Amino acid sequence: MDIFRLIADSNHYEAAWPVDSESFSLFGTFDGRSQLPWTSPLMRPFGSEDQRGVESPLPQGDLASPLSRLPVFSSRAVDVLRPMLEAAGEILPLDCPGRRYFAFNVTRVVDALDESRSILKRFSDGSVMRIVEPHFKREALEDAHIFKVSQLRTVVFVDGVFRECTLEGELKGFLFEKVWTHS
């Protein structure tokens, strides 16, 4: 079993970015709790930090995430990944002129991080700031194809099944950083 951190390839594909600070701050609340009822913020495509507000010079991909905690999928990606997405969170439409993007709020938060075997960076109060080298409890990951861990709800993890579905579906813009393997 392999676990990956889900990352958007923003060097080669456009991302969807909130048009104002109020919309941007909304995405900071994606911590595993429901976002329903949902009112879509206005988004715009962009190709790099200095391209905001300008038509993106990069092609559209199927993962257009501006933030690691918030996967933004194309309608094509939602179609390919729908069973896994519906089992793990909320598919929320975004208002992005000329594009059909969906924010994915990961509500599957599992107690799968083995803190005693992981290397963690902590805040002074003891809470987890960053997972340097995770070690997971395999039994807690049963059917958890896309998830967050209870100790740090700002990172989206996926398993090998999720990765294979994106490859088989020829989805573009996905990067997978392998963070853990269990044989």
N, C-alpha and C. Protein backbone atom coordinates (compact mmCIF):
# COMPACT_ATOMS: atom_id res chain seq x y z
N MET A 1 0.85 -1.18 0.00
CA MET A 1 0.00 0.00 0.00
C MET A 1 0.89 1.23 0.00
N ASP A 2 0.60 2.14 -0.93
CA ASP A 2 1.32 3.41 -1.02
C ASP A 2 0.37 4.55 -0.68
N ILE A 3 0.90 5.54 0.02
CA ILE A 3 0.15 6.76 0.33
C ILE A 3 0.91 7.94 -0.26
N PHE A 4 0.18 8.84 -0.88
CA PHE A 4 0.76 10.00 -1.57
C PHE A 4 0.13 11.28 -1.03
N ARG A 5 0.89 12.35 -1.11
CA ARG A 5 0.33 13.68 -0.88
C ARG A 5 -0.11 14.17 -2.24
N LEU A 6 -1.35 14.65 -2.34
CA LEU A 6 -1.91 15.13 -3.60
C LEU A 6 -1.45 16.57 -3.84
N ILE A 7 -0.88 16.81 -5.02
CA ILE A 7 -0.35 18.12 -5.37
C ILE A 7 -0.78 18.45 -6.80
N ALA A 8 -1.16 19.70 -7.02
CA ALA A 8 -1.50 20.16 -8.38
C ALA A 8 -0.22 20.58 -9.09
N ASP A 9 -0.12 20.24 -10.36
CA ASP A 9 1.02 20.63 -11.19
C ASP A 9 0.80 22.04 -11.73
N SER A 10 0.98 23.02 -10.85
CA SER A 10 0.70 24.41 -11.22
C SER A 10 1.79 25.03 -12.09
N ASN A 11 2.87 24.31 -12.32
CA ASN A 11 3.90 24.80 -13.25
C ASN A 11 3.51 24.55 -14.70
N HIS A 12 2.61 23.58 -14.92
CA HIS A 12 2.26 23.19 -16.28
C HIS A 12 0.78 23.34 -16.62
N TYR A 13 -0.06 23.54 -15.59
CA TYR A 13 -1.50 23.66 -15.81
C TYR A 13 -2.04 24.81 -14.97
N GLU A 14 -3.08 25.45 -15.46
CA GLU A 14 -3.66 26.57 -14.74
C GLU A 14 -4.31 26.11 -13.44
N ALA A 15 -4.50 27.07 -12.57
CA ALA A 15 -5.23 26.84 -11.33
C ALA A 15 -6.43 27.78 -11.29
N ALA A 16 -7.34 27.51 -10.39
CA ALA A 16 -8.48 28.40 -10.18
C ALA A 16 -8.22 29.14 -8.88
N TRP A 17 -8.34 30.46 -8.91
CA TRP A 17 -7.97 31.29 -7.77
C TRP A 17 -9.15 32.17 -7.37
N PRO A 18 -9.42 32.31 -6.07
CA PRO A 18 -10.50 33.21 -5.63
C PRO A 18 -10.20 34.66 -6.04
N VAL A 19 -11.23 35.39 -6.42
CA VAL A 19 -11.04 36.76 -6.91
C VAL A 19 -10.85 37.78 -5.79
N ASP A 20 -11.23 37.44 -4.56
CA ASP A 20 -11.08 38.41 -3.47
C ASP A 20 -10.67 37.71 -2.18
N SER A 21 -10.27 38.51 -1.21
CA SER A 21 -9.76 37.95 0.05
C SER A 21 -10.84 37.23 0.85
N GLU A 22 -12.09 37.69 0.74
CA GLU A 22 -13.19 37.02 1.45
C GLU A 22 -13.36 35.59 0.93
N SER A 23 -13.32 35.43 -0.40
CA SER A 23 -13.43 34.10 -0.98
C SER A 23 -12.21 33.25 -0.62
N PHE A 24 -11.05 33.87 -0.64
CA PHE A 24 -9.82 33.14 -0.30
C PHE A 24 -9.89 32.63 1.14
N SER A 25 -10.37 33.46 2.05
CA SER A 25 -10.44 33.04 3.46
C SER A 25 -11.42 31.90 3.66
N LEU A 26 -12.44 31.80 2.81
CA LEU A 26 -13.39 30.68 2.89
C LEU A 26 -12.66 29.35 2.77
N PHE A 27 -11.68 29.29 1.89
CA PHE A 27 -10.98 28.02 1.67
C PHE A 27 -10.10 27.62 2.85
N GLY A 28 -9.79 28.56 3.70
CA GLY A 28 -9.06 28.24 4.92
C GLY A 28 -9.90 27.45 5.91
N THR A 29 -11.20 27.42 5.69
CA THR A 29 -12.10 26.70 6.60
C THR A 29 -12.28 25.24 6.18
N PHE A 30 -11.65 24.80 5.12
CA PHE A 30 -11.78 23.42 4.66
C PHE A 30 -10.91 22.52 5.56
N ASP A 31 -11.46 22.16 6.70
CA ASP A 31 -10.70 21.40 7.69
C ASP A 31 -11.37 20.07 8.04
N GLY A 32 -12.15 19.55 7.13
CA GLY A 32 -12.81 18.27 7.35
C GLY A 32 -14.27 18.39 7.75
N ARG A 33 -14.71 19.60 8.07
CA ARG A 33 -16.12 19.81 8.40
C ARG A 33 -16.90 20.17 7.15
N SER A 34 -18.19 19.90 7.18
CA SER A 34 -19.05 20.18 6.04
C SER A 34 -19.07 21.67 5.71
N GLN A 35 -19.19 21.97 4.43
CA GLN A 35 -19.31 23.35 3.95
C GLN A 35 -20.74 23.63 3.46
N LEU A 36 -21.65 22.70 3.71
CA LEU A 36 -23.04 22.85 3.26
C LEU A 36 -23.84 23.65 4.27
N PRO A 37 -24.76 24.51 3.87
CA PRO A 37 -25.05 24.84 2.48
C PRO A 37 -23.91 25.63 1.86
N TRP A 38 -23.77 25.52 0.55
CA TRP A 38 -22.63 26.06 -0.18
C TRP A 38 -23.05 27.19 -1.10
N THR A 39 -22.36 28.28 -1.04
CA THR A 39 -22.51 29.37 -2.00
C THR A 39 -21.16 29.55 -2.66
N SER A 40 -21.09 29.31 -3.94
CA SER A 40 -19.82 29.34 -4.64
C SER A 40 -19.21 30.73 -4.69
N PRO A 41 -17.92 30.81 -4.35
CA PRO A 41 -17.22 32.08 -4.53
C PRO A 41 -16.84 32.24 -6.00
N LEU A 42 -16.62 33.47 -6.41
CA LEU A 42 -16.17 33.73 -7.77
C LEU A 42 -14.68 33.42 -7.86
N MET A 43 -14.32 32.67 -8.87
CA MET A 43 -12.93 32.24 -9.09
C MET A 43 -12.47 32.74 -10.45
N ARG A 44 -11.16 32.72 -10.67
CA ARG A 44 -10.62 33.04 -12.00
C ARG A 44 -9.45 32.10 -12.26
N PRO A 45 -9.25 31.74 -13.52
CA PRO A 45 -8.11 30.91 -13.85
C PRO A 45 -6.84 31.76 -13.85
N PHE A 46 -5.74 31.15 -13.46
CA PHE A 46 -4.47 31.84 -13.57
C PHE A 46 -3.37 30.81 -13.79
N GLY A 47 -2.26 31.31 -14.35
CA GLY A 47 -1.16 30.42 -14.69
C GLY A 47 0.05 30.56 -13.80
N SER A 48 0.15 31.66 -13.12
CA SER A 48 1.25 31.84 -12.17
C SER A 48 0.91 33.03 -11.30
N GLU A 49 1.64 33.20 -10.22
CA GLU A 49 1.36 34.28 -9.27
C GLU A 49 1.28 35.63 -9.95
N ASP A 50 2.17 35.89 -10.91
CA ASP A 50 2.16 37.20 -11.56
C ASP A 50 1.16 37.28 -12.71
N GLN A 51 0.38 36.24 -12.91
CA GLN A 51 -0.60 36.24 -14.00
C GLN A 51 -2.02 36.42 -13.51
N ARG A 52 -2.22 36.65 -12.21
CA ARG A 52 -3.59 36.82 -11.70
C ARG A 52 -4.29 37.94 -12.45
N GLY A 53 -5.51 37.66 -12.83
CA GLY A 53 -6.30 38.67 -13.52
C GLY A 53 -6.06 38.69 -15.02
N VAL A 54 -5.10 37.92 -15.49
CA VAL A 54 -4.79 37.84 -16.92
C VAL A 54 -5.16 36.44 -17.37
N GLU A 55 -5.68 36.31 -18.57
CA GLU A 55 -6.02 34.99 -19.08
C GLU A 55 -4.82 34.06 -18.94
N SER A 56 -5.05 32.89 -18.42
CA SER A 56 -3.97 31.96 -18.14
C SER A 56 -3.25 31.53 -19.41
N PRO A 57 -1.91 31.60 -19.40
CA PRO A 57 -1.15 31.10 -20.54
C PRO A 57 -0.96 29.59 -20.50
N LEU A 58 -1.39 28.96 -19.42
CA LEU A 58 -1.22 27.52 -19.26
C LEU A 58 -2.49 26.78 -19.67
N PRO A 59 -2.36 25.54 -20.12
CA PRO A 59 -3.55 24.77 -20.49
C PRO A 59 -4.36 24.36 -19.27
N GLN A 60 -5.63 24.07 -19.50
CA GLN A 60 -6.49 23.56 -18.43
C GLN A 60 -6.09 22.14 -18.12
N GLY A 61 -6.04 21.85 -16.83
CA GLY A 61 -5.81 20.49 -16.38
C GLY A 61 -7.05 19.98 -15.67
N ASP A 62 -6.90 18.85 -15.02
CA ASP A 62 -8.02 18.27 -14.30
C ASP A 62 -7.91 18.46 -12.79
N LEU A 63 -6.76 18.96 -12.32
CA LEU A 63 -6.58 19.35 -10.92
C LEU A 63 -6.06 20.78 -10.94
N ALA A 64 -6.86 21.71 -10.46
CA ALA A 64 -6.53 23.14 -10.55
C ALA A 64 -6.53 23.76 -9.17
N SER A 65 -5.81 23.14 -8.25
CA SER A 65 -5.86 23.54 -6.85
C SER A 65 -4.92 24.69 -6.53
N PRO A 66 -5.46 25.77 -5.97
CA PRO A 66 -4.60 26.87 -5.55
C PRO A 66 -3.96 26.61 -4.20
N LEU A 67 -4.54 25.72 -3.40
CA LEU A 67 -4.06 25.42 -2.06
C LEU A 67 -4.02 23.92 -1.84
N SER A 68 -3.05 23.45 -1.07
CA SER A 68 -2.92 22.01 -0.86
C SER A 68 -4.10 21.42 -0.10
N ARG A 69 -4.74 22.20 0.76
CA ARG A 69 -5.86 21.67 1.53
C ARG A 69 -7.13 21.55 0.71
N LEU A 70 -7.14 22.14 -0.48
CA LEU A 70 -8.36 22.24 -1.27
C LEU A 70 -8.16 21.73 -2.69
N PRO A 71 -8.49 20.47 -2.95
CA PRO A 71 -8.45 20.01 -4.33
C PRO A 71 -9.54 20.70 -5.14
N VAL A 72 -9.19 21.18 -6.32
CA VAL A 72 -10.14 21.74 -7.27
C VAL A 72 -10.06 20.88 -8.53
N PHE A 73 -11.16 20.20 -8.83
CA PHE A 73 -11.20 19.25 -9.94
C PHE A 73 -12.01 19.79 -11.11
N SER A 74 -11.62 19.38 -12.31
CA SER A 74 -12.43 19.64 -13.50
C SER A 74 -13.65 18.72 -13.47
N SER A 75 -14.64 19.02 -14.30
CA SER A 75 -15.81 18.14 -14.36
C SER A 75 -15.40 16.75 -14.86
N ARG A 76 -14.40 16.70 -15.72
CA ARG A 76 -13.90 15.41 -16.21
C ARG A 76 -13.33 14.58 -15.07
N ALA A 77 -12.54 15.22 -14.20
CA ALA A 77 -11.96 14.52 -13.05
C ALA A 77 -13.05 14.03 -12.10
N VAL A 78 -14.07 14.87 -11.88
CA VAL A 78 -15.18 14.46 -11.02
C VAL A 78 -15.86 13.23 -11.60
N ASP A 79 -16.07 13.19 -12.91
CA ASP A 79 -16.69 12.03 -13.54
C ASP A 79 -15.86 10.77 -13.33
N VAL A 80 -14.56 10.86 -13.51
CA VAL A 80 -13.66 9.70 -13.37
C VAL A 80 -13.57 9.24 -11.92
N LEU A 81 -13.51 10.19 -11.00
CA LEU A 81 -13.24 9.87 -9.59
C LEU A 81 -14.48 9.85 -8.70
N ARG A 82 -15.65 10.06 -9.27
CA ARG A 82 -16.88 10.27 -8.50
C ARG A 82 -17.10 9.27 -7.36
N PRO A 83 -17.00 7.95 -7.56
CA PRO A 83 -17.28 7.04 -6.42
C PRO A 83 -16.37 7.29 -5.22
N MET A 84 -15.10 7.54 -5.47
CA MET A 84 -14.17 7.81 -4.36
C MET A 84 -14.45 9.16 -3.72
N LEU A 85 -14.79 10.15 -4.54
CA LEU A 85 -15.06 11.49 -4.02
C LEU A 85 -16.32 11.49 -3.16
N GLU A 86 -17.37 10.88 -3.66
CA GLU A 86 -18.63 10.87 -2.91
C GLU A 86 -18.49 10.15 -1.57
N ALA A 87 -17.60 9.18 -1.50
CA ALA A 87 -17.39 8.44 -0.25
C ALA A 87 -16.54 9.21 0.75
N ALA A 88 -15.89 10.29 0.30
CA ALA A 88 -14.91 10.95 1.16
C ALA A 88 -15.13 12.45 1.35
N GLY A 89 -16.20 13.00 0.78
CA GLY A 89 -16.35 14.44 0.95
C GLY A 89 -17.47 15.04 0.13
N GLU A 90 -17.36 16.35 -0.08
CA GLU A 90 -18.39 17.13 -0.77
C GLU A 90 -17.83 17.71 -2.07
N ILE A 91 -18.55 17.50 -3.15
CA ILE A 91 -18.20 18.05 -4.46
C ILE A 91 -18.98 19.36 -4.60
N LEU A 92 -18.25 20.48 -4.60
CA LEU A 92 -18.87 21.80 -4.53
C LEU A 92 -18.58 22.60 -5.80
N PRO A 93 -19.61 23.01 -6.55
CA PRO A 93 -19.36 23.75 -7.79
C PRO A 93 -18.73 25.11 -7.51
N LEU A 94 -17.85 25.52 -8.42
CA LEU A 94 -17.21 26.82 -8.33
C LEU A 94 -17.67 27.70 -9.48
N ASP A 95 -17.75 28.98 -9.23
CA ASP A 95 -18.13 29.95 -10.25
C ASP A 95 -16.84 30.49 -10.87
N CYS A 96 -16.42 29.87 -11.97
CA CYS A 96 -15.19 30.25 -12.67
C CYS A 96 -15.54 30.41 -14.14
N PRO A 97 -15.74 31.65 -14.58
CA PRO A 97 -16.20 31.89 -15.95
C PRO A 97 -15.37 31.14 -17.00
N GLY A 98 -16.11 30.45 -17.86
CA GLY A 98 -15.47 29.71 -18.95
C GLY A 98 -14.92 28.35 -18.55
N ARG A 99 -15.05 27.97 -17.28
CA ARG A 99 -14.52 26.70 -16.79
C ARG A 99 -15.59 26.00 -15.95
N ARG A 100 -15.48 24.67 -15.86
CA ARG A 100 -16.34 23.89 -14.96
C ARG A 100 -15.44 23.21 -13.94
N TYR A 101 -15.23 23.92 -12.84
CA TYR A 101 -14.40 23.41 -11.75
C TYR A 101 -15.25 23.17 -10.51
N PHE A 102 -14.77 22.23 -9.69
CA PHE A 102 -15.44 21.88 -8.45
C PHE A 102 -14.41 21.83 -7.33
N ALA A 103 -14.71 22.48 -6.23
CA ALA A 103 -13.90 22.34 -5.03
C ALA A 103 -14.27 20.99 -4.41
N PHE A 104 -13.29 20.32 -3.87
CA PHE A 104 -13.59 19.07 -3.18
C PHE A 104 -13.23 19.24 -1.71
N ASN A 105 -14.25 19.23 -0.87
CA ASN A 105 -14.06 19.34 0.56
C ASN A 105 -13.91 17.94 1.13
N VAL A 106 -12.69 17.59 1.51
CA VAL A 106 -12.42 16.27 2.08
C VAL A 106 -12.96 16.24 3.50
N THR A 107 -14.00 15.45 3.70
CA THR A 107 -14.58 15.31 5.04
C THR A 107 -14.21 13.98 5.67
N ARG A 108 -13.53 13.14 4.93
CA ARG A 108 -13.04 11.88 5.51
C ARG A 108 -11.74 12.20 6.25
N VAL A 109 -11.86 12.34 7.55
CA VAL A 109 -10.72 12.61 8.42
C VAL A 109 -10.53 11.36 9.26
N VAL A 110 -9.37 10.74 9.13
CA VAL A 110 -9.13 9.46 9.80
C VAL A 110 -8.03 9.60 10.84
N ASP A 111 -8.13 8.79 11.85
CA ASP A 111 -7.09 8.72 12.88
C ASP A 111 -6.11 7.65 12.43
N ALA A 112 -5.35 7.98 11.38
CA ALA A 112 -4.47 7.00 10.75
C ALA A 112 -2.99 7.30 10.94
N LEU A 113 -2.66 8.44 11.50
CA LEU A 113 -1.25 8.80 11.66
C LEU A 113 -0.71 8.18 12.94
N ASP A 114 0.33 7.38 12.81
CA ASP A 114 1.01 6.79 13.96
C ASP A 114 2.05 7.81 14.42
N GLU A 115 1.67 8.64 15.38
CA GLU A 115 2.54 9.72 15.82
C GLU A 115 3.85 9.21 16.41
N SER A 116 3.82 8.07 17.07
CA SER A 116 5.03 7.56 17.71
C SER A 116 6.09 7.12 16.71
N ARG A 117 5.68 6.78 15.49
CA ARG A 117 6.62 6.32 14.46
C ARG A 117 6.85 7.37 13.37
N SER A 118 6.10 8.47 13.41
CA SER A 118 6.22 9.53 12.42
C SER A 118 7.22 10.58 12.90
N ILE A 119 7.76 11.33 11.96
CA ILE A 119 8.58 12.49 12.30
C ILE A 119 7.70 13.72 12.07
N LEU A 120 7.48 14.47 13.15
CA LEU A 120 6.54 15.59 13.12
C LEU A 120 7.22 16.86 13.61
N LYS A 121 6.84 17.98 13.04
CA LYS A 121 7.24 19.30 13.53
C LYS A 121 6.04 19.82 14.29
N ARG A 122 6.27 20.25 15.53
CA ARG A 122 5.16 20.67 16.39
C ARG A 122 5.25 22.14 16.77
N PHE A 123 4.09 22.72 17.03
CA PHE A 123 4.00 24.05 17.61
C PHE A 123 4.35 23.94 19.09
N SER A 124 4.55 25.07 19.74
CA SER A 124 4.90 25.07 21.16
C SER A 124 3.81 24.45 22.04
N ASP A 125 2.55 24.48 21.57
CA ASP A 125 1.47 23.88 22.36
C ASP A 125 1.37 22.36 22.16
N GLY A 126 2.25 21.79 21.30
CA GLY A 126 2.26 20.35 21.07
C GLY A 126 1.47 19.90 19.85
N SER A 127 0.66 20.76 19.27
CA SER A 127 -0.10 20.37 18.09
C SER A 127 0.84 20.25 16.88
N VAL A 128 0.41 19.49 15.90
CA VAL A 128 1.24 19.20 14.73
C VAL A 128 1.23 20.38 13.76
N MET A 129 2.43 20.89 13.47
CA MET A 129 2.61 21.97 12.50
C MET A 129 2.80 21.39 11.10
N ARG A 130 3.61 20.32 11.04
CA ARG A 130 3.96 19.74 9.75
C ARG A 130 4.32 18.27 9.94
N ILE A 131 3.93 17.46 9.00
CA ILE A 131 4.29 16.05 9.01
C ILE A 131 5.52 15.91 8.12
N VAL A 132 6.66 15.67 8.71
CA VAL A 132 7.92 15.57 7.97
C VAL A 132 8.01 14.19 7.31
N GLU A 133 7.79 13.16 8.09
CA GLU A 133 7.83 11.79 7.58
C GLU A 133 6.72 10.99 8.26
N PRO A 134 5.61 10.77 7.53
CA PRO A 134 4.49 10.08 8.17
C PRO A 134 4.67 8.57 8.23
N HIS A 135 4.07 7.99 9.21
CA HIS A 135 3.89 6.55 9.29
C HIS A 135 2.42 6.36 9.64
N PHE A 136 1.74 5.53 8.88
CA PHE A 136 0.31 5.37 9.04
C PHE A 136 -0.05 4.03 9.68
N LYS A 137 -1.22 3.99 10.30
CA LYS A 137 -1.79 2.75 10.82
C LYS A 137 -2.57 2.15 9.66
N ARG A 138 -2.05 1.10 9.09
CA ARG A 138 -2.63 0.50 7.89
C ARG A 138 -4.11 0.17 8.06
N GLU A 139 -4.47 -0.36 9.19
CA GLU A 139 -5.86 -0.78 9.42
C GLU A 139 -6.83 0.41 9.40
N ALA A 140 -6.35 1.60 9.69
CA ALA A 140 -7.21 2.79 9.69
C ALA A 140 -7.45 3.33 8.28
N LEU A 141 -6.73 2.79 7.31
CA LEU A 141 -6.82 3.30 5.93
C LEU A 141 -7.71 2.44 5.03
N GLU A 142 -8.42 1.50 5.60
CA GLU A 142 -9.30 0.63 4.81
C GLU A 142 -10.28 1.48 4.00
N ASP A 143 -10.21 1.38 2.69
CA ASP A 143 -11.08 2.10 1.76
C ASP A 143 -10.96 3.62 1.86
N ALA A 144 -9.89 4.11 2.43
CA ALA A 144 -9.67 5.56 2.51
C ALA A 144 -8.82 5.96 1.30
N HIS A 145 -9.48 6.22 0.18
CA HIS A 145 -8.76 6.52 -1.06
C HIS A 145 -8.32 7.98 -1.12
N ILE A 146 -9.05 8.87 -0.48
CA ILE A 146 -8.68 10.27 -0.36
C ILE A 146 -9.10 10.71 1.04
N PHE A 147 -8.16 11.32 1.78
CA PHE A 147 -8.45 11.58 3.19
C PHE A 147 -7.51 12.64 3.76
N LYS A 148 -7.87 13.11 4.95
CA LYS A 148 -7.01 13.94 5.78
C LYS A 148 -6.83 13.21 7.10
N VAL A 149 -5.78 13.55 7.83
CA VAL A 149 -5.58 12.93 9.14
C VAL A 149 -6.02 13.91 10.22
N SER A 150 -6.47 13.37 11.33
CA SER A 150 -7.03 14.20 12.40
C SER A 150 -6.01 15.16 13.01
N GLN A 151 -4.74 14.84 12.98
CA GLN A 151 -3.72 15.69 13.59
C GLN A 151 -3.37 16.92 12.75
N LEU A 152 -3.61 16.86 11.43
CA LEU A 152 -3.27 17.97 10.55
C LEU A 152 -4.23 17.94 9.35
N ARG A 153 -5.22 18.80 9.39
CA ARG A 153 -6.29 18.74 8.39
C ARG A 153 -6.04 19.65 7.20
N THR A 154 -4.80 20.02 6.98
CA THR A 154 -4.46 20.90 5.85
C THR A 154 -3.77 20.16 4.72
N VAL A 155 -3.57 18.86 4.87
CA VAL A 155 -2.90 18.07 3.84
C VAL A 155 -3.87 17.00 3.35
N VAL A 156 -3.94 16.85 2.03
CA VAL A 156 -4.80 15.83 1.43
C VAL A 156 -3.91 14.67 1.00
N PHE A 157 -4.25 13.48 1.49
CA PHE A 157 -3.54 12.26 1.13
C PHE A 157 -4.43 11.39 0.25
N VAL A 158 -3.81 10.62 -0.62
CA VAL A 158 -4.52 9.65 -1.45
C VAL A 158 -3.75 8.35 -1.45
N ASP A 159 -4.45 7.28 -1.80
CA ASP A 159 -3.78 5.99 -1.88
C ASP A 159 -3.47 5.62 -3.33
N GLY A 160 -2.87 4.48 -3.51
CA GLY A 160 -2.50 4.01 -4.84
C GLY A 160 -3.69 3.78 -5.75
N VAL A 161 -4.83 3.39 -5.19
CA VAL A 161 -6.04 3.17 -6.00
C VAL A 161 -6.47 4.49 -6.64
N PHE A 162 -6.48 5.56 -5.85
CA PHE A 162 -6.82 6.88 -6.36
C PHE A 162 -5.85 7.28 -7.47
N ARG A 163 -4.56 7.12 -7.21
CA ARG A 163 -3.54 7.47 -8.20
C ARG A 163 -3.75 6.70 -9.50
N GLU A 164 -3.99 5.41 -9.40
CA GLU A 164 -4.19 4.58 -10.59
C GLU A 164 -5.42 5.03 -11.38
N CYS A 165 -6.48 5.42 -10.70
CA CYS A 165 -7.68 5.91 -11.40
C CYS A 165 -7.37 7.16 -12.20
N THR A 166 -6.54 8.06 -11.65
CA THR A 166 -6.19 9.27 -12.39
C THR A 166 -5.35 8.92 -13.61
N LEU A 167 -4.46 7.95 -13.46
CA LEU A 167 -3.62 7.53 -14.60
C LEU A 167 -4.45 6.84 -15.67
N GLU A 168 -5.30 5.91 -15.26
CA GLU A 168 -6.15 5.21 -16.21
C GLU A 168 -7.13 6.16 -16.91
N GLY A 169 -7.60 7.16 -16.19
CA GLY A 169 -8.51 8.15 -16.76
C GLY A 169 -7.80 9.23 -17.56
N GLU A 170 -6.46 9.14 -17.61
CA GLU A 170 -5.62 10.11 -18.34
C GLU A 170 -5.90 11.54 -17.90
N LEU A 171 -6.07 11.71 -16.58
CA LEU A 171 -6.29 13.04 -16.02
C LEU A 171 -4.97 13.80 -15.97
N LYS A 172 -5.05 15.10 -16.20
CA LYS A 172 -3.86 15.94 -16.30
C LYS A 172 -3.76 16.88 -15.11
N GLY A 173 -2.53 17.21 -14.74
CA GLY A 173 -2.30 18.19 -13.68
C GLY A 173 -2.14 17.60 -12.29
N PHE A 174 -2.09 16.29 -12.19
CA PHE A 174 -1.93 15.64 -10.90
C PHE A 174 -0.46 15.28 -10.67
N LEU A 175 0.02 15.63 -9.49
CA LEU A 175 1.34 15.17 -9.04
C LEU A 175 1.12 14.39 -7.75
N PHE A 176 1.89 13.36 -7.56
CA PHE A 176 1.75 12.52 -6.38
C PHE A 176 3.11 12.39 -5.71
N GLU A 177 3.21 12.90 -4.51
CA GLU A 177 4.44 12.76 -3.74
C GLU A 177 4.26 11.56 -2.81
N LYS A 178 5.02 10.48 -3.08
CA LYS A 178 4.89 9.30 -2.24
C LYS A 178 5.47 9.63 -0.88
N VAL A 179 4.65 9.42 0.15
CA VAL A 179 5.10 9.74 1.51
C VAL A 179 5.20 8.53 2.41
N TRP A 180 4.63 7.39 1.96
CA TRP A 180 4.65 6.19 2.81
C TRP A 180 4.35 4.97 1.99
N THR A 181 5.05 3.88 2.31
CA THR A 181 4.81 2.58 1.67
C THR A 181 4.74 1.53 2.75
N HIS A 182 3.76 0.66 2.63
CA HIS A 182 3.65 -0.49 3.54
C HIS A 182 3.48 -1.72 2.67
N SER A 183 4.35 -2.70 2.87
CA SER A 183 4.25 -3.92 2.03
C SER A 183 3.46 -4.99 2.70
